[in-house]
Amino acid sequence: MQSHLTEISKAIKKGIPVHAYNWWPITSNREWGHPFDPNTDFGLYYVDLDNEPALKRIIHDKITD
């Protein structure tokens, strides 16, 4: 995520009018055919559907790095 924000900052410094940035999706999402785990999930939060009956959202490491 930091690399995305760095590029947005560069664009703003070049005078590109960035009014908003949306990271899609905010919760779990993955491509078909990949295993269902945090390594293939590209949401900001991971939901472990197999082992978390309460469907607790777990923040991805990529957010805290």
Protein backbone atom coordinates (compact mmCIF):
# COMPACT_ATOMS: atom_id res chain seq x y z
CA MET A 1 0.00 0.00 0.00
CA GLN A 2 2.86 2.39 0.78
CA SER A 3 4.13 2.19 -2.80
CA HIS A 4 0.67 3.21 -4.07
CA LEU A 5 0.56 6.21 -1.75
CA THR A 6 4.08 7.19 -2.80
CA GLU A 7 3.03 7.22 -6.45
CA ILE A 8 -0.06 9.30 -5.64
CA SER A 9 2.16 11.79 -3.82
CA LYS A 10 4.46 12.00 -6.87
CA ALA A 11 1.46 12.65 -9.13
CA ILE A 12 0.20 15.45 -6.87
CA LYS A 13 3.67 17.05 -6.84
CA LYS A 14 3.61 16.98 -10.67
CA GLY A 15 0.35 18.92 -10.60
CA ILE A 16 -2.04 16.06 -11.35
CA PRO A 17 -5.34 16.85 -9.58
CA VAL A 18 -5.86 13.80 -7.37
CA HIS A 19 -9.13 14.33 -5.51
CA ALA A 20 -9.59 10.85 -4.07
CA TYR A 21 -8.04 7.40 -3.88
CA ASN A 22 -10.01 4.20 -3.39
CA TRP A 23 -8.35 0.91 -2.49
CA TRP A 24 -10.61 -1.81 -3.80
CA PRO A 25 -11.75 -3.91 -2.04
CA ILE A 26 -11.77 -3.11 1.64
CA THR A 27 -12.52 -6.70 2.68
CA SER A 28 -11.56 -10.13 1.39
CA ASN A 29 -11.47 -10.74 -2.32
CA ARG A 30 -9.45 -13.13 -4.45
CA GLU A 31 -9.17 -14.53 -7.93
CA TRP A 32 -10.85 -17.80 -8.87
CA GLY A 33 -8.59 -20.84 -8.69
CA HIS A 34 -6.35 -19.54 -5.91
CA PRO A 35 -6.34 -21.02 -2.41
CA PHE A 36 -8.47 -19.29 0.19
CA ASP A 37 -5.82 -17.74 2.44
CA PRO A 38 -4.27 -14.34 3.30
CA ASN A 39 -1.50 -14.79 0.72
CA THR A 40 -3.94 -14.68 -2.20
CA ASP A 41 -6.40 -12.24 -0.68
CA PHE A 42 -6.09 -8.63 -1.82
CA GLY A 43 -8.51 -6.84 0.46
CA LEU A 44 -7.34 -4.51 3.21
CA TYR A 45 -8.87 -6.89 5.73
CA TYR A 46 -8.86 -10.69 5.61
CA VAL A 47 -11.81 -12.82 6.71
CA ASP A 48 -10.93 -16.46 7.49
CA LEU A 49 -14.13 -18.14 6.33
CA ASP A 50 -12.85 -21.64 7.15
CA ASN A 51 -11.72 -21.06 10.73
CA GLU A 52 -13.45 -17.93 12.05
CA PRO A 53 -17.17 -18.56 12.70
CA ALA A 54 -17.71 -14.94 13.80
CA LEU A 55 -16.18 -13.76 10.47
CA LYS A 56 -13.85 -11.41 12.30
CA ARG A 57 -11.96 -9.01 10.04
CA ILE A 58 -8.20 -9.35 10.37
CA ILE A 59 -6.07 -6.45 9.17
CA HIS A 60 -3.53 -7.43 6.50
CA ASP A 61 0.18 -6.99 7.14
CA LYS A 62 0.35 -4.80 4.03
CA ILE A 63 -1.63 -2.15 5.93
CA THR A 64 0.69 -2.03 8.92
CA ASP A 65 4.00 -2.26 6.98
